Amino acid sequence: MPEEPENWWDATPDEDKQDDDDSPGPHNGGPPPPPPPPPGQDDTDSPEPIAIRGYQREGDQWVQKGKGEGDVTSKADSAERSDYDKQKIGATALFLLSFIFGDWWWDGSHGLGALINSIESITYMPGSLTGSYEFWTSQEGFNPLDAILITIAWMLWDISTLVFSLGFVLCWRGWSVNNKTEANRILNGKKSYKFLLYFSVALISMDILSYTVWSGLLGVIEWPFDFIEWHFWQGVAILAAIGLNPDNDLWGRFTSQSVKE
C-alpha cells in the first residue's frame, strides 16, 4: 500500500488514478452510479411550487389564466359567495317567509299544507275546470266569457303555491346540472326569474280581468286594496321572485348604501 503524503497537494496524478481505481464502479464490479438529474434540476428534493390565485404554472413560469379556465384556490376562497349568491339567498329567504307564514288558500293553509292543496288541485283537473265553467254560466248575469275568465284566474291561484315553490327550487338546482360555476348559478337564477315573472304577469292580469267581471270597469280602482287584503303573501312571493333577477344588483346597491350611511 503506498504511503499517503502529508498534504493533499503533494499527491501525484498516479495516486489519484489509483484512488479512482479502488472506488466502486461498473469497471471494478461495483454498482453503477445514479443517473444525472435532468437539465435545470439538481438531485435535491425541491419543494412543491406555491399556487398563485389567477395564475397557472407552465414550465418554469407562472402565466395568468383566461376567464374560461379553472382557478386554483383554497377551500376558503371557493367558499366565498358572490354578490348575486347573497342576493339570491335573500330572495329565497323572503319567499320562505311568505311560504311558511302566509295564507295561500284563504283558509289558514300555509307551508306544506298549502303545497299539498296546490298539488291536489292539479289532480282534479280538468274536471274541476269544467265544473267551474258550468257553474258560472248557470249564474244569472254571467256569460261564457265571464265564466272562462273567472275559472282561469282561480286555476292560477290554485297552482300558485306549487309554481313558486318549483321556481325557487330550480333557481338553486334543476335548470342546469352543473351548479358549481358562477355562470351556471346566475343562469339558474335568471331562468327562475323569467319563469316566475311570466307566471306572475299572467296571474295578476287574469285577476284584474276577473275582478272587472265582479265589479265592472270602474271597480278596478279598488282592485289594489282587495289584492293586498286577499293576496298579500303571494305579493311578497312575487317581490321575492323579482330579487332573483341577476341584472338588478340589489345586493350591491344595498351594501353601497350601507357604506355611505
C-alpha atoms as a PDB file:
ATOM      1  CA  MET A   1       0.000   0.000   0.000  1.00  0.00           C
ATOM      2  CA  PRO A   2       1.574   3.303  -0.990  1.00  0.00           C
ATOM      3  CA  GLU A   3       2.415   5.759   1.740  1.00  0.00           C
ATOM      4  CA  GLU A   4      -0.003   8.669   1.887  1.00  0.00           C
ATOM      5  CA  PRO A   5       1.512  12.133   1.580  1.00  0.00           C
ATOM      6  CA  GLU A   6       1.229  14.517   4.473  1.00  0.00           C
ATOM      7  CA  ASN A   7      -0.600  17.096   2.401  1.00  0.00           C
ATOM      8  CA  TRP A   8      -3.169  16.572  -0.286  1.00  0.00           C
ATOM      9  CA  TRP A   9      -1.394  18.880  -2.661  1.00  0.00           C
ATOM     10  CA  ASP A  10       1.608  16.599  -2.592  1.00  0.00           C
ATOM     11  CA  ALA A  11      -0.395  13.754  -4.161  1.00  0.00           C
ATOM     12  CA  THR A  12       0.714  12.726  -7.631  1.00  0.00           C
ATOM     13  CA  PRO A  13      -1.625  12.102 -10.570  1.00  0.00           C
ATOM     14  CA  ASP A  14      -0.817   8.376 -10.371  1.00  0.00           C
ATOM     15  CA  GLU A  15      -2.056   8.229  -6.817  1.00  0.00           C
ATOM     16  CA  ASP A  16      -5.296   9.996  -7.785  1.00  0.00           C
ATOM     17  CA  LYS A  17      -5.820   7.463 -10.511  1.00  0.00           C
ATOM     18  CA  GLN A  18      -5.160   4.635  -8.091  1.00  0.00           C
ATOM     19  CA  ASP A  19      -7.808   6.020  -5.746  1.00  0.00           C
ATOM     20  CA  ASP A  20     -10.263   6.155  -8.593  1.00  0.00           C
ATOM     21  CA  ASP A  21      -9.496   2.548  -9.458  1.00  0.00           C
ATOM     22  CA  ASP A  22     -10.171   1.495  -5.894  1.00  0.00           C
ATOM     23  CA  SER A  23     -13.595   3.256  -5.778  1.00  0.00           C
ATOM     24  CA  PRO A  24     -16.663   1.132  -6.594  1.00  0.00           C
ATOM     25  CA  GLY A  25     -17.970   1.360 -10.132  1.00  0.00           C
ATOM     26  CA  PRO A  26     -19.034  -0.711 -13.079  1.00  0.00           C
ATOM     27  CA  HIS A  27     -15.405  -1.309 -14.166  1.00  0.00           C
ATOM     28  CA  ASN A  28     -14.403  -2.969 -10.876  1.00  0.00           C
ATOM     29  CA  GLY A  29     -17.607  -4.865 -10.040  1.00  0.00           C
ATOM     30  CA  GLY A  30     -19.424  -2.162  -8.051  1.00  0.00           C
ATOM     31  CA  PRO A  31     -22.932  -0.808  -8.705  1.00  0.00           C
ATOM     32  CA  PRO A  32     -23.328   1.810 -11.423  1.00  0.00           C
ATOM     33  CA  PRO A  33     -23.544   5.442 -10.314  1.00  0.00           C
ATOM     34  CA  PRO A  34     -27.013   7.048 -10.195  1.00  0.00           C
ATOM     35  CA  PRO A  35     -28.181   8.811 -13.365  1.00  0.00           C
ATOM     36  CA  PRO A  36     -27.551  12.558 -13.518  1.00  0.00           C
ATOM     37  CA  PRO A  37     -30.503  14.842 -12.772  1.00  0.00           C
ATOM     38  CA  PRO A  38     -32.422  16.358 -15.713  1.00  0.00           C
ATOM     39  CA  PRO A  39     -31.131  19.625 -17.092  1.00  0.00           C
ATOM     40  CA  GLY A  40     -32.103  22.595 -14.974  1.00  0.00           C
ATOM     41  CA  GLN A  41     -32.631  20.479 -11.839  1.00  0.00           C
ATOM     42  CA  ASP A  42     -30.365  19.266  -9.112  1.00  0.00           C
ATOM     43  CA  ASP A  43     -30.542  15.997  -7.219  1.00  0.00           C
ATOM     44  CA  THR A  44     -32.008  17.544  -4.097  1.00  0.00           C
ATOM     45  CA  ASP A  45     -35.732  17.358  -3.283  1.00  0.00           C
ATOM     46  CA  SER A  46     -37.172  20.720  -4.324  1.00  0.00           C
ATOM     47  CA  PRO A  47     -40.353  21.945  -2.584  1.00  0.00           C
ATOM     48  CA  GLU A  48     -43.678  21.990  -4.421  1.00  0.00           C
ATOM     49  CA  PRO A  49     -44.397  25.328  -6.149  1.00  0.00           C
ATOM     50  CA  ILE A  50     -46.881  27.587  -4.374  1.00  0.00           C
ATOM     51  CA  ALA A  51     -50.116  28.044  -6.325  1.00  0.00           C
ATOM     52  CA  ILE A  52     -50.912  31.649  -7.197  1.00  0.00           C
ATOM     53  CA  ARG A  53     -54.579  32.582  -7.478  1.00  0.00           C
ATOM     54  CA  GLY A  54     -55.496  33.529 -11.030  1.00  0.00           C
ATOM     55  CA  TYR A  55     -52.280  32.023 -12.459  1.00  0.00           C
ATOM     56  CA  GLN A  56     -51.155  28.608 -13.619  1.00  0.00           C
ATOM     57  CA  ARG A  57     -47.683  27.138 -13.977  1.00  0.00           C
ATOM     58  CA  GLU A  58     -46.326  26.493 -17.466  1.00  0.00           C
ATOM     59  CA  GLY A  59     -42.788  25.189 -17.330  1.00  0.00           C
ATOM     60  CA  ASP A  60     -40.705  27.474 -15.154  1.00  0.00           C
ATOM     61  CA  GLN A  61     -43.079  30.419 -15.407  1.00  0.00           C
ATOM     62  CA  TRP A  62     -46.463  31.490 -13.973  1.00  0.00           C
ATOM     63  CA  VAL A  63     -48.928  32.738 -16.567  1.00  0.00           C
ATOM     64  CA  GLN A  64     -52.306  34.382 -15.943  1.00  0.00           C
ATOM     65  CA  LYS A  65     -55.364  32.220 -16.562  1.00  0.00           C
ATOM     66  CA  GLY A  66     -58.092  33.044 -19.023  1.00  0.00           C
ATOM     67  CA  LYS A  67     -61.685  33.712 -17.983  1.00  0.00           C
ATOM     68  CA  GLY A  68     -62.846  30.274 -19.005  1.00  0.00           C
ATOM     69  CA  GLU A  69     -60.145  28.356 -17.155  1.00  0.00           C
ATOM     70  CA  GLY A  70     -60.350  26.989 -13.647  1.00  0.00           C
ATOM     71  CA  ASP A  71     -58.811  28.772 -10.731  1.00  0.00           C
ATOM     72  CA  VAL A  72     -56.545  27.146  -8.155  1.00  0.00           C
ATOM     73  CA  THR A  73     -57.915  28.448  -4.887  1.00  0.00           C
ATOM     74  CA  SER A  74     -58.117  27.310  -1.352  1.00  0.00           C
ATOM     75  CA  LYS A  75     -61.295  25.974   0.178  1.00  0.00           C
ATOM     76  CA  ALA A  76     -61.793  29.267   1.968  1.00  0.00           C
ATOM     77  CA  ASP A  77     -61.631  31.187  -1.313  1.00  0.00           C
ATOM     78  CA  SER A  78     -64.035  28.811  -3.061  1.00  0.00           C
ATOM     79  CA  ALA A  79     -66.475  29.162  -0.179  1.00  0.00           C
ATOM     80  CA  GLU A  80     -66.721  32.914  -0.699  1.00  0.00           C
ATOM     81  CA  ARG A  81     -70.078  33.845  -2.200  1.00  0.00           C
ATOM     82  CA  SER A  82     -70.627  36.417  -4.894  1.00  0.00           C
ATOM     83  CA  ASP A  83     -72.982  39.362  -4.537  1.00  0.00           C
ATOM     84  CA  TYR A  84     -75.569  37.577  -6.673  1.00  0.00           C
ATOM     85  CA  ASP A  85     -75.435  34.461  -4.489  1.00  0.00           C
ATOM     86  CA  LYS A  86     -76.138  36.649  -1.465  1.00  0.00           C
ATOM     87  CA  GLN A  87     -78.960  38.379  -3.355  1.00  0.00           C
ATOM     88  CA  LYS A  88     -80.450  35.002  -4.297  1.00  0.00           C
ATOM     89  CA  ILE A  89     -80.232  33.822  -0.689  1.00  0.00           C
ATOM     90  CA  GLY A  90     -82.105  36.938   0.431  1.00  0.00           C
ATOM     91  CA  ALA A  91     -84.806  36.432  -2.225  1.00  0.00           C
ATOM     92  CA  THR A  92     -85.223  32.783  -1.250  1.00  0.00           C
ATOM     93  CA  ALA A  93     -85.480  33.712   2.433  1.00  0.00           C
ATOM     94  CA  LEU A  94     -88.217  36.222   1.586  1.00  0.00           C
ATOM     95  CA  PHE A  95     -90.153  33.573  -0.315  1.00  0.00           C
ATOM     96  CA  LEU A  96     -89.777  31.074   2.542  1.00  0.00           C
ATOM     97  CA  LEU A  97     -91.186  33.712   4.880  1.00  0.00           C
ATOM     98  CA  SER A  98     -94.322  34.019   2.752  1.00  0.00           C
ATOM     99  CA  PHE A  99     -94.472  30.260   2.196  1.00  0.00           C
ATOM    100  CA  ILE A 100     -94.278  29.346   5.893  1.00  0.00           C
ATOM    101  CA  PHE A 101     -96.413  32.100   7.409  1.00  0.00           C
ATOM    102  CA  GLY A 102     -98.672  33.183   4.533  1.00  0.00           C
ATOM    103  CA  ASP A 103    -102.252  32.123   3.952  1.00  0.00           C
ATOM    104  CA  TRP A 104    -102.145  30.773   0.393  1.00  0.00           C
ATOM    105  CA  TRP A 105    -105.608  29.170   0.361  1.00  0.00           C
ATOM    106  CA  TRP A 106    -107.654  31.724   2.314  1.00  0.00           C
ATOM    107  CA  ASP A 107    -108.421  29.085   4.917  1.00  0.00           C
ATOM    108  CA  GLY A 108    -105.268  29.269   7.023  1.00  0.00           C
ATOM    109  CA  SER A 109    -103.321  26.776   4.893  1.00  0.00           C
ATOM    110  CA  HIS A 110     -99.640  27.602   4.604  1.00  0.00           C
ATOM    111  CA  GLY A 111     -96.346  25.836   4.104  1.00  0.00           C
ATOM    112  CA  LEU A 112     -96.586  22.155   3.256  1.00  0.00           C
ATOM    113  CA  GLY A 113    -100.358  22.173   3.748  1.00  0.00           C
ATOM    114  CA  ALA A 114    -100.807  24.804   1.050  1.00  0.00           C
ATOM    115  CA  LEU A 115     -98.369  22.968  -1.211  1.00  0.00           C
ATOM    116  CA  ILE A 116    -100.299  19.703  -0.842  1.00  0.00           C
ATOM    117  CA  ASN A 117    -103.568  21.507  -1.628  1.00  0.00           C
ATOM    118  CA  SER A 118    -101.970  23.019  -4.717  1.00  0.00           C
ATOM    119  CA  ILE A 119    -100.794  19.626  -5.962  1.00  0.00           C
ATOM    120  CA  GLU A 120    -104.180  18.064  -5.305  1.00  0.00           C
ATOM    121  CA  SER A 121    -105.910  20.829  -7.268  1.00  0.00           C
ATOM    122  CA  ILE A 122    -103.946  19.763 -10.354  1.00  0.00           C
ATOM    123  CA  THR A 123    -105.017  16.147  -9.956  1.00  0.00           C
ATOM    124  CA  TYR A 124    -108.647  17.279 -10.016  1.00  0.00           C
ATOM    125  CA  MET A 125    -108.218  18.964 -13.394  1.00  0.00           C
ATOM    126  CA  PRO A 126    -109.748  19.172 -15.959  1.00  0.00           C
ATOM    127  CA  GLY A 127    -112.907  18.076 -14.186  1.00  0.00           C
ATOM    128  CA  SER A 128    -112.754  20.963 -11.723  1.00  0.00           C
ATOM    129  CA  LEU A 129    -112.307  23.469 -14.560  1.00  0.00           C
ATOM    130  CA  THR A 130    -115.314  22.097 -16.424  1.00  0.00           C
ATOM    131  CA  GLY A 131    -117.413  22.178 -13.270  1.00  0.00           C
ATOM    132  CA  SER A 132    -116.410  25.782 -12.560  1.00  0.00           C
ATOM    133  CA  TYR A 133    -117.299  26.862 -16.090  1.00  0.00           C
ATOM    134  CA  GLU A 134    -120.690  25.181 -15.936  1.00  0.00           C
ATOM    135  CA  PHE A 135    -121.408  26.700 -12.553  1.00  0.00           C
ATOM    136  CA  TRP A 136    -120.670  30.284 -13.572  1.00  0.00           C
ATOM    137  CA  THR A 137    -122.507  30.057 -16.865  1.00  0.00           C
ATOM    138  CA  SER A 138    -125.562  28.897 -14.938  1.00  0.00           C
ATOM    139  CA  GLN A 139    -125.472  32.021 -12.751  1.00  0.00           C
ATOM    140  CA  GLU A 140    -127.590  34.989 -13.766  1.00  0.00           C
ATOM    141  CA  GLY A 141    -125.603  37.865 -15.237  1.00  0.00           C
ATOM    142  CA  PHE A 142    -122.538  35.780 -16.237  1.00  0.00           C
ATOM    143  CA  ASN A 143    -121.839  34.959 -19.847  1.00  0.00           C
ATOM    144  CA  PRO A 144    -119.446  32.228 -21.114  1.00  0.00           C
ATOM    145  CA  LEU A 145    -116.534  34.709 -21.364  1.00  0.00           C
ATOM    146  CA  ASP A 146    -117.046  35.755 -17.759  1.00  0.00           C
ATOM    147  CA  ALA A 147    -117.031  32.109 -16.704  1.00  0.00           C
ATOM    148  CA  ILE A 148    -113.794  31.460 -18.609  1.00  0.00           C
ATOM    149  CA  LEU A 149    -112.024  34.448 -17.036  1.00  0.00           C
ATOM    150  CA  ILE A 150    -113.081  33.518 -13.513  1.00  0.00           C
ATOM    151  CA  THR A 151    -112.143  29.857 -13.996  1.00  0.00           C
ATOM    152  CA  ILE A 152    -108.672  30.635 -15.361  1.00  0.00           C
ATOM    153  CA  ALA A 153    -107.980  33.175 -12.616  1.00  0.00           C
ATOM    154  CA  TRP A 154    -108.944  30.735  -9.870  1.00  0.00           C
ATOM    155  CA  MET A 155    -106.910  27.968 -11.505  1.00  0.00           C
ATOM    156  CA  LEU A 156    -103.775  30.143 -11.480  1.00  0.00           C
ATOM    157  CA  TRP A 157    -104.267  30.985  -7.805  1.00  0.00           C
ATOM    158  CA  ASP A 158    -104.752  27.298  -7.020  1.00  0.00           C
ATOM    159  CA  ILE A 159    -101.439  26.274  -8.572  1.00  0.00           C
ATOM    160  CA  SER A 160     -99.502  29.372  -7.440  1.00  0.00           C
ATOM    161  CA  THR A 161     -98.058  27.663  -4.341  1.00  0.00           C
ATOM    162  CA  LEU A 162     -96.623  24.841  -6.422  1.00  0.00           C
ATOM    163  CA  VAL A 163     -95.339  27.131  -9.178  1.00  0.00           C
ATOM    164  CA  PHE A 164     -93.490  29.487  -6.836  1.00  0.00           C
ATOM    165  CA  SER A 165     -92.048  26.594  -4.827  1.00  0.00           C
ATOM    166  CA  LEU A 166     -90.843  24.924  -8.014  1.00  0.00           C
ATOM    167  CA  GLY A 167     -89.330  28.152  -9.333  1.00  0.00           C
ATOM    168  CA  PHE A 168     -87.270  28.748  -6.212  1.00  0.00           C
ATOM    169  CA  VAL A 169     -86.106  25.132  -6.059  1.00  0.00           C
ATOM    170  CA  LEU A 170     -84.963  25.286  -9.679  1.00  0.00           C
ATOM    171  CA  CYS A 171     -83.108  28.550  -9.097  1.00  0.00           C
ATOM    172  CA  TRP A 172     -80.637  26.552  -6.996  1.00  0.00           C
ATOM    173  CA  ARG A 173     -80.727  23.231  -8.854  1.00  0.00           C
ATOM    174  CA  GLY A 174     -82.582  21.949 -11.851  1.00  0.00           C
ATOM    175  CA  TRP A 175     -82.227  24.274 -14.819  1.00  0.00           C
ATOM    176  CA  SER A 176     -78.515  23.500 -15.146  1.00  0.00           C
ATOM    177  CA  VAL A 177     -76.971  20.272 -13.865  1.00  0.00           C
ATOM    178  CA  ASN A 178     -73.598  21.885 -13.189  1.00  0.00           C
ATOM    179  CA  ASN A 179     -74.231  24.424 -10.461  1.00  0.00           C
ATOM    180  CA  LYS A 180     -70.622  24.824  -9.336  1.00  0.00           C
ATOM    181  CA  THR A 181     -69.600  27.699 -11.604  1.00  0.00           C
ATOM    182  CA  GLU A 182     -70.731  31.264 -11.066  1.00  0.00           C
ATOM    183  CA  ALA A 183     -72.033  31.475 -14.645  1.00  0.00           C
ATOM    184  CA  ASN A 184     -74.359  28.493 -14.175  1.00  0.00           C
ATOM    185  CA  ARG A 185     -75.609  29.753 -10.817  1.00  0.00           C
ATOM    186  CA  ILE A 186     -76.516  33.052 -12.449  1.00  0.00           C
ATOM    187  CA  LEU A 187     -78.149  31.182 -15.344  1.00  0.00           C
ATOM    188  CA  ASN A 188     -80.281  29.141 -12.934  1.00  0.00           C
ATOM    189  CA  GLY A 189     -81.411  32.271 -11.122  1.00  0.00           C
ATOM    190  CA  LYS A 190     -82.206  34.132 -14.328  1.00  0.00           C
ATOM    191  CA  LYS A 191     -84.304  31.275 -15.737  1.00  0.00           C
ATOM    192  CA  SER A 192     -86.282  31.018 -12.495  1.00  0.00           C
ATOM    193  CA  TYR A 193     -86.761  34.776 -12.502  1.00  0.00           C
ATOM    194  CA  LYS A 194     -88.206  34.738 -16.033  1.00  0.00           C
ATOM    195  CA  PHE A 195     -90.342  31.686 -15.284  1.00  0.00           C
ATOM    196  CA  LEU A 196     -91.877  33.264 -12.175  1.00  0.00           C
ATOM    197  CA  LEU A 197     -92.136  36.688 -13.814  1.00  0.00           C
ATOM    198  CA  TYR A 198     -94.218  35.347 -16.718  1.00  0.00           C
ATOM    199  CA  PHE A 199     -96.431  33.413 -14.316  1.00  0.00           C
ATOM    200  CA  SER A 200     -96.874  36.484 -12.084  1.00  0.00           C
ATOM    201  CA  VAL A 201     -97.850  38.652 -15.053  1.00  0.00           C
ATOM    202  CA  ALA A 202    -100.437  36.075 -16.138  1.00  0.00           C
ATOM    203  CA  LEU A 203    -101.666  35.704 -12.546  1.00  0.00           C
ATOM    204  CA  ILE A 204    -102.167  39.430 -11.957  1.00  0.00           C
ATOM    205  CA  SER A 205    -103.592  40.054 -15.425  1.00  0.00           C
ATOM    206  CA  MET A 206    -106.232  37.344 -15.065  1.00  0.00           C
ATOM    207  CA  ASP A 207    -107.018  38.505 -11.540  1.00  0.00           C
ATOM    208  CA  ILE A 208    -107.693  42.033 -12.803  1.00  0.00           C
ATOM    209  CA  LEU A 209    -109.854  40.749 -15.671  1.00  0.00           C
ATOM    210  CA  SER A 210    -111.889  38.522 -13.369  1.00  0.00           C
ATOM    211  CA  TYR A 211    -112.238  41.447 -10.970  1.00  0.00           C
ATOM    212  CA  THR A 212    -113.874  43.510 -13.698  1.00  0.00           C
ATOM    213  CA  VAL A 213    -116.445  40.727 -14.099  1.00  0.00           C
ATOM    214  CA  TRP A 214    -117.482  41.221 -10.489  1.00  0.00           C
ATOM    215  CA  SER A 215    -117.143  44.984 -10.104  1.00  0.00           C
ATOM    216  CA  GLY A 216    -117.148  46.437 -13.619  1.00  0.00           C
ATOM    217  CA  LEU A 217    -114.502  48.616 -15.195  1.00  0.00           C
ATOM    218  CA  LEU A 218    -114.785  51.384 -12.599  1.00  0.00           C
ATOM    219  CA  GLY A 219    -114.417  48.845  -9.833  1.00  0.00           C
ATOM    220  CA  VAL A 220    -110.813  48.167 -10.918  1.00  0.00           C
ATOM    221  CA  ILE A 221    -109.816  51.244  -8.894  1.00  0.00           C
ATOM    222  CA  GLU A 222    -110.440  49.214  -5.759  1.00  0.00           C
ATOM    223  CA  TRP A 223    -108.518  46.189  -7.029  1.00  0.00           C
ATOM    224  CA  PRO A 224    -105.112  47.071  -5.433  1.00  0.00           C
ATOM    225  CA  PHE A 225    -106.676  47.299  -1.987  1.00  0.00           C
ATOM    226  CA  ASP A 226    -108.504  43.995  -2.372  1.00  0.00           C
ATOM    227  CA  PHE A 227    -105.334  42.378  -3.745  1.00  0.00           C
ATOM    228  CA  ILE A 228    -103.370  43.382  -0.652  1.00  0.00           C
ATOM    229  CA  GLU A 229    -106.150  42.121   1.577  1.00  0.00           C
ATOM    230  CA  TRP A 230    -106.585  38.742  -0.110  1.00  0.00           C
ATOM    231  CA  HIS A 231    -103.184  38.082  -1.730  1.00  0.00           C
ATOM    232  CA  PHE A 232    -100.667  39.866   0.468  1.00  0.00           C
ATOM    233  CA  TRP A 233     -98.363  36.866   0.945  1.00  0.00           C
ATOM    234  CA  GLN A 234     -98.496  35.978  -2.736  1.00  0.00           C
ATOM    235  CA  GLY A 235     -97.432  39.565  -3.392  1.00  0.00           C
ATOM    236  CA  VAL A 236     -94.447  39.019  -1.091  1.00  0.00           C
ATOM    237  CA  ALA A 237     -93.539  35.922  -3.129  1.00  0.00           C
ATOM    238  CA  ILE A 238     -93.711  37.980  -6.343  1.00  0.00           C
ATOM    239  CA  LEU A 239     -91.299  40.538  -4.850  1.00  0.00           C
ATOM    240  CA  ALA A 240     -89.006  37.672  -3.867  1.00  0.00           C
ATOM    241  CA  ALA A 241     -89.082  36.396  -7.455  1.00  0.00           C
ATOM    242  CA  ILE A 242     -88.026  39.848  -8.697  1.00  0.00           C
ATOM    243  CA  GLY A 243     -84.999  39.528  -6.408  1.00  0.00           C
ATOM    244  CA  LEU A 244     -83.780  36.580  -8.492  1.00  0.00           C
ATOM    245  CA  ASN A 245     -83.038  38.860 -11.447  1.00  0.00           C
ATOM    246  CA  PRO A 246     -79.220  38.985 -11.809  1.00  0.00           C
ATOM    247  CA  ASP A 247     -79.450  42.142 -13.928  1.00  0.00           C
ATOM    248  CA  ASN A 248     -80.613  44.061 -10.840  1.00  0.00           C
ATOM    249  CA  ASP A 249     -77.660  44.266  -8.481  1.00  0.00           C
ATOM    250  CA  LEU A 250     -79.841  44.679  -5.420  1.00  0.00           C
ATOM    251  CA  TRP A 251     -77.194  43.381  -3.031  1.00  0.00           C
ATOM    252  CA  GLY A 252     -74.564  45.738  -4.418  1.00  0.00           C
ATOM    253  CA  ARG A 253     -76.925  48.704  -4.055  1.00  0.00           C
ATOM    254  CA  PHE A 254     -77.792  47.656  -0.516  1.00  0.00           C
ATOM    255  CA  THR A 255     -74.170  47.283   0.577  1.00  0.00           C
ATOM    256  CA  SER A 256     -73.076  50.521  -1.097  1.00  0.00           C
ATOM    257  CA  GLN A 257     -75.918  52.395   0.576  1.00  0.00           C
ATOM    258  CA  SER A 258     -74.921  50.915   3.921  1.00  0.00           C
ATOM    259  CA  VAL A 259     -71.327  52.055   3.398  1.00  0.00           C
ATOM    260  CA  LYS A 260     -72.470  55.591   2.583  1.00  0.00           C
ATOM    261  CA  GLU A 261     -74.542  55.757   5.750  1.00  0.00           C
END
